[in-house]
Amino acid sequence: MSSARDFTARVLGRLLLGVFVALLAACDANAPRFNNVDITGANYARDFRLADSRGATRTLADFRGKLVVMFFGFTQCPDVCPTTLSDMAEVKKRLGKDGDKLQVIFVTIDPQRDTAEVLAQYVPAFDPSFIALRGTPDETAAVAKEFKVFFQKVPGKTESSYTIDHTAGSYVFDREGRVRLFLRHAGGVEPIVADLKQLLR
């Protein structure tokens, strides 16, 4: 009798496991499929506290209700940074009316040369709505650590002619301020537009 009960329990257990797996598959089928790296639920890239080019302290909460794309770079960057900002300007344009729901943020990793005045001219040149943030060297290092962003000075011919190696991707936050995506550099404009449209639904 005990053996029959054990057999029945095993059969029921397997059936329940099958139902559970099927439900998980159904949930997964309804989950959004992104072109870029889905980091929903990550325990990093949670927030920042930095000054904008006018000196006002900004945090992620200031942009609640908008999609936020956040990129770390420096104004004397020869290729990655201007390409990223140009691509994001094109992304905003292709979003049409929904472009107003996008906020692009450029965080300098070179506060020594990227003064508030320099940033105020450089970043909005790509799109007037784009904003730049900067901090002290310690604040910059802390935010970079929170966002798992690597950066390191590469000496130049003179003390001020250095360049900086750095992480080239961007982070995307949804309209509730949750980190959702990591955009690979040079992945193309269309995949970003498609992913942002999904987040806007």
N, C-alpha and C. Protein backbone atom coordinates (compact mmCIF):
# COMPACT_ATOMS: atom_id res chain seq x y z
N MET A 1 0.84 -1.21 0.00
CA MET A 1 0.00 0.00 0.00
C MET A 1 0.87 1.25 0.00
N SER A 2 1.91 1.18 0.85
CA SER A 2 2.84 2.31 0.95
C SER A 2 3.52 2.54 -0.39
N SER A 3 3.86 1.43 -1.06
CA SER A 3 4.53 1.53 -2.36
C SER A 3 3.62 2.20 -3.38
N ALA A 4 2.33 1.88 -3.34
CA ALA A 4 1.36 2.48 -4.27
C ALA A 4 1.24 3.98 -4.01
N ARG A 5 1.23 4.33 -2.74
CA ARG A 5 1.14 5.77 -2.40
C ARG A 5 2.39 6.51 -2.86
N ASP A 6 3.56 5.88 -2.67
CA ASP A 6 4.82 6.49 -3.11
C ASP A 6 4.82 6.70 -4.62
N PHE A 7 4.33 5.67 -5.35
CA PHE A 7 4.28 5.77 -6.81
C PHE A 7 3.36 6.91 -7.23
N THR A 8 2.18 6.98 -6.59
CA THR A 8 1.21 8.04 -6.90
C THR A 8 1.81 9.41 -6.62
N ALA A 9 2.51 9.51 -5.50
CA ALA A 9 3.13 10.79 -5.13
C ALA A 9 4.18 11.21 -6.16
N ARG A 10 4.95 10.21 -6.63
CA ARG A 10 5.98 10.52 -7.63
C ARG A 10 5.35 10.99 -8.94
N VAL A 11 4.27 10.31 -9.34
CA VAL A 11 3.57 10.68 -10.58
C VAL A 11 3.01 12.10 -10.46
N LEU A 12 2.35 12.37 -9.32
CA LEU A 12 1.79 13.71 -9.10
C LEU A 12 2.89 14.76 -9.07
N GLY A 13 3.99 14.41 -8.44
CA GLY A 13 5.12 15.35 -8.38
C GLY A 13 5.63 15.70 -9.76
N ARG A 14 5.73 14.68 -10.62
CA ARG A 14 6.21 14.92 -11.98
C ARG A 14 5.21 15.75 -12.78
N LEU A 15 3.92 15.46 -12.56
CA LEU A 15 2.89 16.24 -13.25
C LEU A 15 2.94 17.71 -12.85
N LEU A 16 3.08 17.94 -11.54
CA LEU A 16 3.15 19.32 -11.04
C LEU A 16 4.39 20.03 -11.56
N LEU A 17 5.50 19.27 -11.61
CA LEU A 17 6.73 19.85 -12.15
C LEU A 17 6.55 20.22 -13.61
N GLY A 18 5.86 19.35 -14.36
CA GLY A 18 5.60 19.63 -15.78
C GLY A 18 4.75 20.86 -15.97
N VAL A 19 3.72 21.00 -15.12
CA VAL A 19 2.86 22.19 -15.19
C VAL A 19 3.66 23.44 -14.88
N PHE A 20 4.52 23.35 -13.85
CA PHE A 20 5.34 24.49 -13.44
C PHE A 20 6.28 24.93 -14.56
N VAL A 21 6.92 23.94 -15.20
CA VAL A 21 7.83 24.24 -16.32
C VAL A 21 7.07 24.86 -17.48
N ALA A 22 5.87 24.34 -17.75
CA ALA A 22 5.04 24.89 -18.84
C ALA A 22 4.65 26.33 -18.56
N LEU A 23 4.30 26.60 -17.29
CA LEU A 23 3.93 27.97 -16.91
C LEU A 23 5.12 28.91 -17.06
N LEU A 24 6.28 28.43 -16.66
CA LEU A 24 7.49 29.26 -16.82
C LEU A 24 7.75 29.54 -18.29
N ALA A 25 7.58 28.54 -19.11
CA ALA A 25 7.80 28.72 -20.55
C ALA A 25 6.82 29.73 -21.13
N ALA A 26 5.56 29.65 -20.66
CA ALA A 26 4.54 30.59 -21.14
C ALA A 26 4.89 32.00 -20.74
N CYS A 27 5.34 32.15 -19.48
CA CYS A 27 5.73 33.49 -19.01
C CYS A 27 6.91 34.01 -19.82
N ASP A 28 7.87 33.12 -20.09
CA ASP A 28 9.05 33.51 -20.84
C ASP A 28 8.67 33.90 -22.26
N ALA A 29 7.68 33.22 -22.82
CA ALA A 29 7.25 33.52 -24.19
C ALA A 29 6.65 34.92 -24.28
N ASN A 30 6.05 35.37 -23.17
CA ASN A 30 5.44 36.70 -23.16
C ASN A 30 6.43 37.80 -22.79
N ALA A 31 7.62 37.40 -22.34
CA ALA A 31 8.62 38.39 -21.94
C ALA A 31 9.15 39.10 -23.19
N PRO A 32 9.48 40.38 -23.06
CA PRO A 32 9.99 41.11 -24.22
C PRO A 32 11.33 40.55 -24.68
N ARG A 33 11.52 40.52 -25.98
CA ARG A 33 12.79 40.07 -26.56
C ARG A 33 13.53 41.31 -27.05
N PHE A 34 14.68 41.57 -26.46
CA PHE A 34 15.43 42.77 -26.81
C PHE A 34 16.61 42.43 -27.72
N ASN A 35 16.99 43.39 -28.52
CA ASN A 35 18.18 43.25 -29.36
C ASN A 35 19.46 43.42 -28.55
N ASN A 36 19.37 44.30 -27.56
CA ASN A 36 20.53 44.57 -26.72
C ASN A 36 20.47 43.72 -25.46
N VAL A 37 21.43 43.89 -24.58
CA VAL A 37 21.57 43.02 -23.41
C VAL A 37 20.54 43.38 -22.34
N ASP A 38 19.68 42.43 -22.02
CA ASP A 38 18.64 42.62 -21.00
C ASP A 38 19.26 42.42 -19.62
N ILE A 39 19.32 43.49 -18.82
CA ILE A 39 19.88 43.38 -17.47
C ILE A 39 18.82 43.74 -16.43
N THR A 40 17.56 43.53 -16.78
CA THR A 40 16.46 43.79 -15.86
C THR A 40 16.71 43.09 -14.53
N GLY A 41 16.58 43.84 -13.44
CA GLY A 41 16.77 43.26 -12.11
C GLY A 41 18.20 43.29 -11.62
N ALA A 42 19.10 43.91 -12.38
CA ALA A 42 20.51 43.98 -11.96
C ALA A 42 20.63 44.72 -10.63
N ASN A 43 21.61 44.31 -9.82
CA ASN A 43 21.81 44.97 -8.53
C ASN A 43 22.94 45.99 -8.59
N TYR A 44 23.12 46.57 -9.76
CA TYR A 44 24.08 47.66 -9.95
C TYR A 44 23.44 48.67 -10.89
N ALA A 45 24.14 49.77 -11.17
CA ALA A 45 23.57 50.84 -12.02
C ALA A 45 22.23 51.29 -11.47
N ARG A 46 22.17 51.49 -10.15
CA ARG A 46 20.89 51.80 -9.51
C ARG A 46 20.58 53.29 -9.45
N ASP A 47 21.59 54.12 -9.28
CA ASP A 47 21.32 55.56 -9.18
C ASP A 47 22.63 56.33 -9.29
N PHE A 48 22.52 57.64 -9.31
CA PHE A 48 23.69 58.52 -9.36
C PHE A 48 23.32 59.84 -8.68
N ARG A 49 24.31 60.57 -8.34
CA ARG A 49 24.11 61.90 -7.75
C ARG A 49 25.26 62.78 -8.23
N LEU A 50 25.00 63.53 -9.30
CA LEU A 50 26.03 64.33 -9.95
C LEU A 50 25.46 65.69 -10.34
N ALA A 51 26.33 66.62 -10.61
CA ALA A 51 25.90 67.98 -10.98
C ALA A 51 25.77 68.11 -12.49
N ASP A 52 24.75 68.87 -12.92
CA ASP A 52 24.64 69.17 -14.35
C ASP A 52 25.50 70.39 -14.66
N SER A 53 25.47 70.82 -15.90
CA SER A 53 26.36 71.92 -16.31
C SER A 53 26.00 73.25 -15.68
N ARG A 54 24.81 73.34 -15.05
CA ARG A 54 24.42 74.56 -14.33
C ARG A 54 24.72 74.47 -12.84
N GLY A 55 25.23 73.32 -12.43
CA GLY A 55 25.58 73.14 -11.03
C GLY A 55 24.51 72.51 -10.17
N ALA A 56 23.34 72.19 -10.76
CA ALA A 56 22.25 71.58 -10.00
C ALA A 56 22.52 70.08 -9.84
N THR A 57 22.27 69.56 -8.65
CA THR A 57 22.47 68.13 -8.39
C THR A 57 21.32 67.34 -9.00
N ARG A 58 21.67 66.32 -9.76
CA ARG A 58 20.67 65.50 -10.44
C ARG A 58 20.79 64.05 -9.98
N THR A 59 19.64 63.39 -9.89
CA THR A 59 19.59 61.96 -9.62
C THR A 59 18.64 61.32 -10.62
N LEU A 60 18.57 60.01 -10.60
CA LEU A 60 17.71 59.30 -11.54
C LEU A 60 16.24 59.69 -11.37
N ALA A 61 15.84 59.98 -10.15
CA ALA A 61 14.44 60.33 -9.86
C ALA A 61 13.99 61.58 -10.63
N ASP A 62 14.93 62.44 -10.99
CA ASP A 62 14.58 63.67 -11.73
C ASP A 62 14.01 63.36 -13.11
N PHE A 63 14.25 62.16 -13.61
CA PHE A 63 13.85 61.83 -14.97
C PHE A 63 12.76 60.76 -15.01
N ARG A 64 12.11 60.56 -13.87
CA ARG A 64 11.02 59.58 -13.81
C ARG A 64 9.95 59.95 -14.84
N GLY A 65 9.43 58.96 -15.54
CA GLY A 65 8.45 59.19 -16.60
C GLY A 65 9.06 59.19 -17.98
N LYS A 66 10.41 59.20 -18.05
CA LYS A 66 11.11 59.15 -19.33
C LYS A 66 12.01 57.93 -19.39
N LEU A 67 12.29 57.47 -20.60
CA LEU A 67 13.35 56.49 -20.77
C LEU A 67 14.66 57.26 -20.67
N VAL A 68 15.62 56.69 -19.98
CA VAL A 68 16.92 57.34 -19.82
C VAL A 68 18.00 56.46 -20.43
N VAL A 69 18.80 57.06 -21.30
CA VAL A 69 19.99 56.40 -21.82
C VAL A 69 21.19 57.13 -21.25
N MET A 70 22.03 56.40 -20.55
CA MET A 70 23.16 56.99 -19.83
C MET A 70 24.47 56.44 -20.37
N PHE A 71 25.36 57.36 -20.73
CA PHE A 71 26.63 56.99 -21.34
C PHE A 71 27.78 57.71 -20.63
N PHE A 72 28.88 56.99 -20.39
CA PHE A 72 30.07 57.56 -19.76
C PHE A 72 31.12 57.82 -20.83
N GLY A 73 31.65 59.05 -20.87
CA GLY A 73 32.66 59.37 -21.86
C GLY A 73 33.39 60.65 -21.52
N PHE A 74 34.05 61.23 -22.52
CA PHE A 74 34.77 62.50 -22.30
C PHE A 74 34.80 63.28 -23.61
N THR A 75 34.85 64.58 -23.50
CA THR A 75 34.65 65.43 -24.68
C THR A 75 35.80 65.35 -25.69
N GLN A 76 36.99 64.97 -25.23
CA GLN A 76 38.11 64.86 -26.16
C GLN A 76 38.27 63.46 -26.75
N CYS A 77 37.28 62.64 -26.51
CA CYS A 77 37.24 61.28 -27.08
C CYS A 77 37.16 61.41 -28.61
N PRO A 78 38.03 60.72 -29.33
CA PRO A 78 38.08 60.91 -30.79
C PRO A 78 37.00 60.20 -31.59
N ASP A 79 36.41 59.12 -31.06
CA ASP A 79 35.49 58.36 -31.89
C ASP A 79 34.28 57.79 -31.16
N VAL A 80 34.48 56.99 -30.13
CA VAL A 80 33.37 56.30 -29.47
C VAL A 80 32.32 57.27 -28.95
N CYS A 81 32.75 58.31 -28.26
CA CYS A 81 31.79 59.24 -27.62
C CYS A 81 30.98 60.05 -28.63
N PRO A 82 31.62 60.70 -29.58
CA PRO A 82 30.80 61.44 -30.56
C PRO A 82 29.91 60.52 -31.40
N THR A 83 30.40 59.32 -31.69
CA THR A 83 29.57 58.37 -32.45
C THR A 83 28.35 57.97 -31.65
N THR A 84 28.52 57.69 -30.37
CA THR A 84 27.40 57.30 -29.51
C THR A 84 26.37 58.42 -29.41
N LEU A 85 26.83 59.64 -29.20
CA LEU A 85 25.90 60.77 -29.08
C LEU A 85 25.19 61.04 -30.41
N SER A 86 25.91 60.90 -31.50
CA SER A 86 25.29 61.07 -32.82
C SER A 86 24.23 60.01 -33.06
N ASP A 87 24.55 58.77 -32.69
CA ASP A 87 23.58 57.68 -32.84
C ASP A 87 22.34 57.94 -32.00
N MET A 88 22.52 58.41 -30.78
CA MET A 88 21.38 58.66 -29.91
C MET A 88 20.52 59.82 -30.43
N ALA A 89 21.15 60.79 -31.07
CA ALA A 89 20.38 61.88 -31.69
C ALA A 89 19.51 61.31 -32.82
N GLU A 90 20.06 60.36 -33.57
CA GLU A 90 19.30 59.73 -34.64
C GLU A 90 18.19 58.84 -34.07
N VAL A 91 18.48 58.14 -32.97
CA VAL A 91 17.47 57.32 -32.30
C VAL A 91 16.28 58.19 -31.90
N LYS A 92 16.58 59.31 -31.28
CA LYS A 92 15.51 60.21 -30.84
C LYS A 92 14.67 60.67 -32.02
N LYS A 93 15.32 60.99 -33.12
CA LYS A 93 14.61 61.43 -34.32
C LYS A 93 13.69 60.33 -34.86
N ARG A 94 14.18 59.10 -34.87
CA ARG A 94 13.39 57.99 -35.41
C ARG A 94 12.24 57.56 -34.49
N LEU A 95 12.30 57.97 -33.25
CA LEU A 95 11.19 57.68 -32.34
C LEU A 95 10.00 58.60 -32.59
N GLY A 96 10.21 59.62 -33.41
CA GLY A 96 9.11 60.53 -33.73
C GLY A 96 8.62 61.28 -32.50
N LYS A 97 7.32 61.30 -32.30
CA LYS A 97 6.75 62.00 -31.15
C LYS A 97 7.22 61.41 -29.83
N ASP A 98 7.52 60.12 -29.83
CA ASP A 98 8.01 59.47 -28.60
C ASP A 98 9.43 59.90 -28.24
N GLY A 99 10.08 60.62 -29.14
CA GLY A 99 11.41 61.13 -28.84
C GLY A 99 11.43 62.04 -27.63
N ASP A 100 10.29 62.68 -27.36
CA ASP A 100 10.18 63.56 -26.19
C ASP A 100 10.20 62.77 -24.89
N LYS A 101 10.01 61.44 -25.00
CA LYS A 101 10.00 60.59 -23.80
C LYS A 101 11.38 59.99 -23.53
N LEU A 102 12.38 60.46 -24.26
CA LEU A 102 13.74 59.95 -24.12
C LEU A 102 14.65 61.03 -23.55
N GLN A 103 15.43 60.67 -22.54
CA GLN A 103 16.43 61.58 -21.99
C GLN A 103 17.81 60.92 -22.09
N VAL A 104 18.70 61.55 -22.83
CA VAL A 104 20.06 61.06 -22.96
C VAL A 104 20.95 61.84 -21.99
N ILE A 105 21.74 61.09 -21.23
CA ILE A 105 22.63 61.69 -20.22
C ILE A 105 24.07 61.27 -20.51
N PHE A 106 24.94 62.23 -20.59
CA PHE A 106 26.37 62.00 -20.81
C PHE A 106 27.10 62.29 -19.50
N VAL A 107 27.78 61.30 -18.95
CA VAL A 107 28.53 61.48 -17.70
C VAL A 107 30.01 61.53 -18.04
N THR A 108 30.67 62.62 -17.71
CA THR A 108 32.09 62.71 -18.04
C THR A 108 32.93 61.90 -17.06
N ILE A 109 33.92 61.22 -17.61
CA ILE A 109 34.90 60.50 -16.80
C ILE A 109 36.20 61.30 -16.76
N ASP A 110 36.11 62.54 -17.24
CA ASP A 110 37.29 63.41 -17.30
C ASP A 110 36.96 64.79 -16.72
N PRO A 111 36.58 64.84 -15.42
CA PRO A 111 36.21 66.14 -14.84
C PRO A 111 37.35 67.14 -14.82
N GLN A 112 38.58 66.67 -14.95
CA GLN A 112 39.73 67.57 -14.96
C GLN A 112 39.68 68.53 -16.15
N ARG A 113 39.35 68.01 -17.32
CA ARG A 113 39.29 68.85 -18.52
C ARG A 113 37.87 69.22 -18.90
N ASP A 114 36.91 68.36 -18.56
CA ASP A 114 35.52 68.62 -18.92
C ASP A 114 34.84 69.48 -17.85
N THR A 115 35.06 70.76 -17.96
CA THR A 115 34.42 71.69 -17.04
C THR A 115 32.93 71.80 -17.38
N ALA A 116 32.19 72.43 -16.49
CA ALA A 116 30.76 72.63 -16.74
C ALA A 116 30.55 73.42 -18.04
N GLU A 117 31.41 74.40 -18.28
CA GLU A 117 31.28 75.23 -19.48
C GLU A 117 31.54 74.41 -20.75
N VAL A 118 32.56 73.57 -20.70
CA VAL A 118 32.88 72.72 -21.85
C VAL A 118 31.73 71.76 -22.15
N LEU A 119 31.20 71.14 -21.09
CA LEU A 119 30.10 70.19 -21.26
C LEU A 119 28.83 70.86 -21.77
N ALA A 120 28.58 72.08 -21.31
CA ALA A 120 27.38 72.81 -21.70
C ALA A 120 27.37 73.12 -23.19
N GLN A 121 28.53 73.18 -23.80
CA GLN A 121 28.61 73.43 -25.24
C GLN A 121 28.67 72.13 -26.04
N TYR A 122 29.39 71.16 -25.50
CA TYR A 122 29.65 69.92 -26.26
C TYR A 122 28.41 69.04 -26.39
N VAL A 123 27.79 68.70 -25.29
CA VAL A 123 26.72 67.70 -25.32
C VAL A 123 25.46 68.19 -26.03
N PRO A 124 24.94 69.38 -25.73
CA PRO A 124 23.72 69.83 -26.43
C PRO A 124 23.92 70.07 -27.92
N ALA A 125 25.18 70.10 -28.37
CA ALA A 125 25.42 70.28 -29.80
C ALA A 125 24.89 69.08 -30.60
N PHE A 126 24.79 67.92 -29.97
CA PHE A 126 24.25 66.74 -30.63
C PHE A 126 22.73 66.75 -30.63
N ASP A 127 22.14 67.25 -29.55
CA ASP A 127 20.70 67.46 -29.45
C ASP A 127 20.47 68.37 -28.24
N PRO A 128 19.67 69.41 -28.39
CA PRO A 128 19.47 70.37 -27.30
C PRO A 128 18.92 69.76 -26.01
N SER A 129 18.26 68.60 -26.12
CA SER A 129 17.68 67.98 -24.93
C SER A 129 18.68 67.12 -24.15
N PHE A 130 19.81 66.81 -24.76
CA PHE A 130 20.81 65.98 -24.08
C PHE A 130 21.46 66.78 -22.96
N ILE A 131 21.72 66.11 -21.84
CA ILE A 131 22.37 66.81 -20.73
C ILE A 131 23.66 66.11 -20.33
N ALA A 132 24.55 66.89 -19.71
CA ALA A 132 25.83 66.36 -19.24
C ALA A 132 25.89 66.45 -17.73
N LEU A 133 26.53 65.46 -17.14
CA LEU A 133 26.73 65.45 -15.69
C LEU A 133 28.21 65.27 -15.38
N ARG A 134 28.62 65.88 -14.27
CA ARG A 134 30.01 65.72 -13.85
C ARG A 134 30.08 65.69 -12.33
N GLY A 135 31.17 65.15 -11.83
CA GLY A 135 31.39 65.13 -10.39
C GLY A 135 32.85 65.39 -10.10
N THR A 136 33.21 65.37 -8.84
CA THR A 136 34.62 65.43 -8.47
C THR A 136 35.26 64.11 -8.90
N PRO A 137 36.58 64.04 -8.89
CA PRO A 137 37.21 62.75 -9.24
C PRO A 137 36.71 61.60 -8.36
N ASP A 138 36.52 61.84 -7.08
CA ASP A 138 36.02 60.78 -6.19
C ASP A 138 34.57 60.41 -6.52
N GLU A 139 33.74 61.41 -6.79
CA GLU A 139 32.34 61.13 -7.15
C GLU A 139 32.26 60.38 -8.48
N THR A 140 33.12 60.76 -9.41
CA THR A 140 33.15 60.09 -10.71
C THR A 140 33.54 58.62 -10.55
N ALA A 141 34.55 58.38 -9.73
CA ALA A 141 35.01 57.01 -9.50
C ALA A 141 33.91 56.18 -8.83
N ALA A 142 33.18 56.80 -7.89
CA ALA A 142 32.11 56.08 -7.18
C ALA A 142 30.97 55.71 -8.11
N VAL A 143 30.57 56.65 -8.98
CA VAL A 143 29.47 56.37 -9.92
C VAL A 143 29.92 55.33 -10.94
N ALA A 144 31.14 55.43 -11.42
CA ALA A 144 31.65 54.45 -12.38
C ALA A 144 31.65 53.04 -11.75
N LYS A 145 32.02 52.97 -10.49
CA LYS A 145 32.01 51.68 -9.80
C LYS A 145 30.59 51.13 -9.69
N GLU A 146 29.63 51.99 -9.35
CA GLU A 146 28.24 51.56 -9.23
C GLU A 146 27.71 51.04 -10.57
N PHE A 147 28.17 51.64 -11.66
CA PHE A 147 27.70 51.26 -12.99
C PHE A 147 28.62 50.24 -13.68
N LYS A 148 29.63 49.75 -12.95
CA LYS A 148 30.58 48.79 -13.50
C LYS A 148 31.23 49.31 -14.78
N VAL A 149 31.55 50.60 -14.76
CA VAL A 149 32.20 51.23 -15.91
C VAL A 149 33.71 51.33 -15.66
N PHE A 150 34.47 50.82 -16.58
CA PHE A 150 35.93 50.88 -16.50
C PHE A 150 36.41 52.16 -17.19
N PHE A 151 37.37 52.84 -16.57
CA PHE A 151 38.06 53.93 -17.28
C PHE A 151 39.46 54.08 -16.71
N GLN A 152 40.40 54.41 -17.60
CA GLN A 152 41.80 54.54 -17.18
C GLN A 152 42.52 55.51 -18.12
N LYS A 153 43.26 56.42 -17.52
CA LYS A 153 44.02 57.38 -18.32
C LYS A 153 45.15 56.69 -19.07
N VAL A 154 45.36 57.16 -20.30
CA VAL A 154 46.48 56.70 -21.11
C VAL A 154 47.34 57.92 -21.38
N PRO A 155 48.56 57.97 -20.84
CA PRO A 155 49.41 59.17 -20.96
C PRO A 155 49.65 59.57 -22.42
N GLY A 156 49.70 60.89 -22.63
CA GLY A 156 50.01 61.44 -23.95
C GLY A 156 51.39 62.04 -23.95
N LYS A 157 51.69 62.86 -24.96
CA LYS A 157 53.01 63.48 -25.06
C LYS A 157 53.21 64.55 -24.01
N THR A 158 52.09 65.17 -23.58
CA THR A 158 52.16 66.16 -22.51
C THR A 158 51.20 65.74 -21.40
N GLU A 159 51.31 66.42 -20.26
CA GLU A 159 50.49 66.06 -19.11
C GLU A 159 49.00 66.19 -19.39
N SER A 160 48.63 67.15 -20.23
CA SER A 160 47.20 67.38 -20.49
C SER A 160 46.70 66.74 -21.78
N SER A 161 47.56 66.03 -22.48
CA SER A 161 47.14 65.45 -23.77
C SER A 161 46.80 63.96 -23.65
N TYR A 162 46.54 63.52 -22.45
CA TYR A 162 46.20 62.10 -22.24
C TYR A 162 44.87 61.78 -22.91
N THR A 163 44.67 60.50 -23.15
CA THR A 163 43.36 60.01 -23.57
C THR A 163 42.86 59.06 -22.48
N ILE A 164 41.67 58.49 -22.66
CA ILE A 164 41.10 57.62 -21.63
C ILE A 164 40.47 56.40 -22.28
N ASP A 165 40.92 55.24 -21.86
CA ASP A 165 40.25 54.00 -22.25
C ASP A 165 39.04 53.83 -21.35
N HIS A 166 37.89 53.45 -21.92
CA HIS A 166 36.70 53.34 -21.08
C HIS A 166 35.66 52.40 -21.69
N THR A 167 34.74 51.96 -20.85
CA THR A 167 33.61 51.14 -21.29
C THR A 167 32.81 51.93 -22.31
N ALA A 168 32.47 51.28 -23.41
CA ALA A 168 31.85 52.01 -24.52
C ALA A 168 30.33 51.87 -24.61
N GLY A 169 29.73 51.03 -23.78
CA GLY A 169 28.29 50.83 -23.87
C GLY A 169 27.49 51.85 -23.08
N SER A 170 26.17 51.78 -23.22
CA SER A 170 25.26 52.70 -22.53
C SER A 170 24.22 51.90 -21.75
N TYR A 171 23.68 52.55 -20.71
CA TYR A 171 22.62 51.94 -19.90
C TYR A 171 21.28 52.56 -20.25
N VAL A 172 20.24 51.73 -20.21
CA VAL A 172 18.88 52.22 -20.44
C VAL A 172 18.03 51.95 -19.21
N PHE A 173 17.32 52.98 -18.75
CA PHE A 173 16.38 52.87 -17.64
C PHE A 173 14.97 53.06 -18.18
N ASP A 174 14.02 52.30 -17.65
CA ASP A 174 12.64 52.47 -18.08
C ASP A 174 12.03 53.69 -17.38
N ARG A 175 10.77 53.96 -17.64
CA ARG A 175 10.13 55.18 -17.14
C ARG A 175 9.87 55.15 -15.64
N GLU A 176 10.06 53.99 -15.01
CA GLU A 176 9.95 53.89 -13.55
C GLU A 176 11.32 53.97 -12.88
N GLY A 177 12.36 54.20 -13.69
CA GLY A 177 13.70 54.35 -13.13
C GLY A 177 14.44 53.05 -12.89
N ARG A 178 13.98 51.96 -13.52
CA ARG A 178 14.63 50.67 -13.34
C ARG A 178 15.59 50.41 -14.49
N VAL A 179 16.80 49.95 -14.17
CA VAL A 179 17.75 49.65 -15.23
C VAL A 179 17.25 48.43 -16.00
N ARG A 180 17.27 48.50 -17.33
CA ARG A 180 16.70 47.43 -18.16
C ARG A 180 17.68 46.87 -19.19
N LEU A 181 18.46 47.75 -19.81
CA LEU A 181 19.28 47.29 -20.93
C LEU A 181 20.69 47.85 -20.87
N PHE A 182 21.61 47.10 -21.47
CA PHE A 182 22.95 47.60 -21.75
C PHE A 182 23.11 47.61 -23.26
N LEU A 183 23.35 48.79 -23.81
CA LEU A 183 23.49 48.94 -25.26
C LEU A 183 24.95 48.78 -25.65
N ARG A 184 25.21 47.82 -26.49
CA ARG A 184 26.58 47.65 -26.99
C ARG A 184 26.93 48.79 -27.93
N HIS A 185 28.18 49.21 -27.89
CA HIS A 185 28.63 50.26 -28.81
C HIS A 185 28.63 49.73 -30.24
N ALA A 186 28.24 50.59 -31.16
CA ALA A 186 28.26 50.29 -32.60
C ALA A 186 27.34 49.14 -32.96
N GLY A 187 26.25 48.97 -32.20
CA GLY A 187 25.29 47.92 -32.50
C GLY A 187 24.24 48.35 -33.50
N GLY A 188 24.29 49.60 -33.92
CA GLY A 188 23.31 50.10 -34.89
C GLY A 188 22.16 50.84 -34.24
N VAL A 189 21.60 51.77 -34.98
CA VAL A 189 20.52 52.61 -34.49
C VAL A 189 19.19 51.85 -34.42
N GLU A 190 18.87 51.10 -35.47
CA GLU A 190 17.56 50.43 -35.52
C GLU A 190 17.30 49.48 -34.36
N PRO A 191 18.27 48.65 -33.95
CA PRO A 191 18.03 47.78 -32.80
C PRO A 191 17.71 48.56 -31.52
N ILE A 192 18.35 49.72 -31.36
CA ILE A 192 18.07 50.56 -30.19
C ILE A 192 16.66 51.12 -30.26
N VAL A 193 16.29 51.61 -31.43
CA VAL A 193 14.93 52.16 -31.62
C VAL A 193 13.89 51.09 -31.29
N ALA A 194 14.10 49.89 -31.81
CA ALA A 194 13.14 48.79 -31.57
C ALA A 194 13.04 48.47 -30.08
N ASP A 195 14.18 48.44 -29.38
CA ASP A 195 14.17 48.13 -27.94
C ASP A 195 13.48 49.23 -27.14
N LEU A 196 13.75 50.47 -27.49
CA LEU A 196 13.13 51.58 -26.75
C LEU A 196 11.61 51.61 -26.98
N LYS A 197 11.20 51.27 -28.19
CA LYS A 197 9.75 51.22 -28.46
C LYS A 197 9.08 50.17 -27.59
N GLN A 198 9.76 49.05 -27.39
CA GLN A 198 9.20 48.01 -26.51
C GLN A 198 9.04 48.54 -25.09
N LEU A 199 10.04 49.27 -24.61
CA LEU A 199 9.99 49.80 -23.26
C LEU A 199 8.94 50.89 -23.10
N LEU A 200 8.58 51.52 -24.19
CA LEU A 200 7.57 52.57 -24.14
C LEU A 200 6.15 52.03 -24.18
N ARG A 201 5.98 50.75 -24.52
CA ARG A 201 4.64 50.17 -24.61
C ARG A 201 4.00 50.02 -23.24
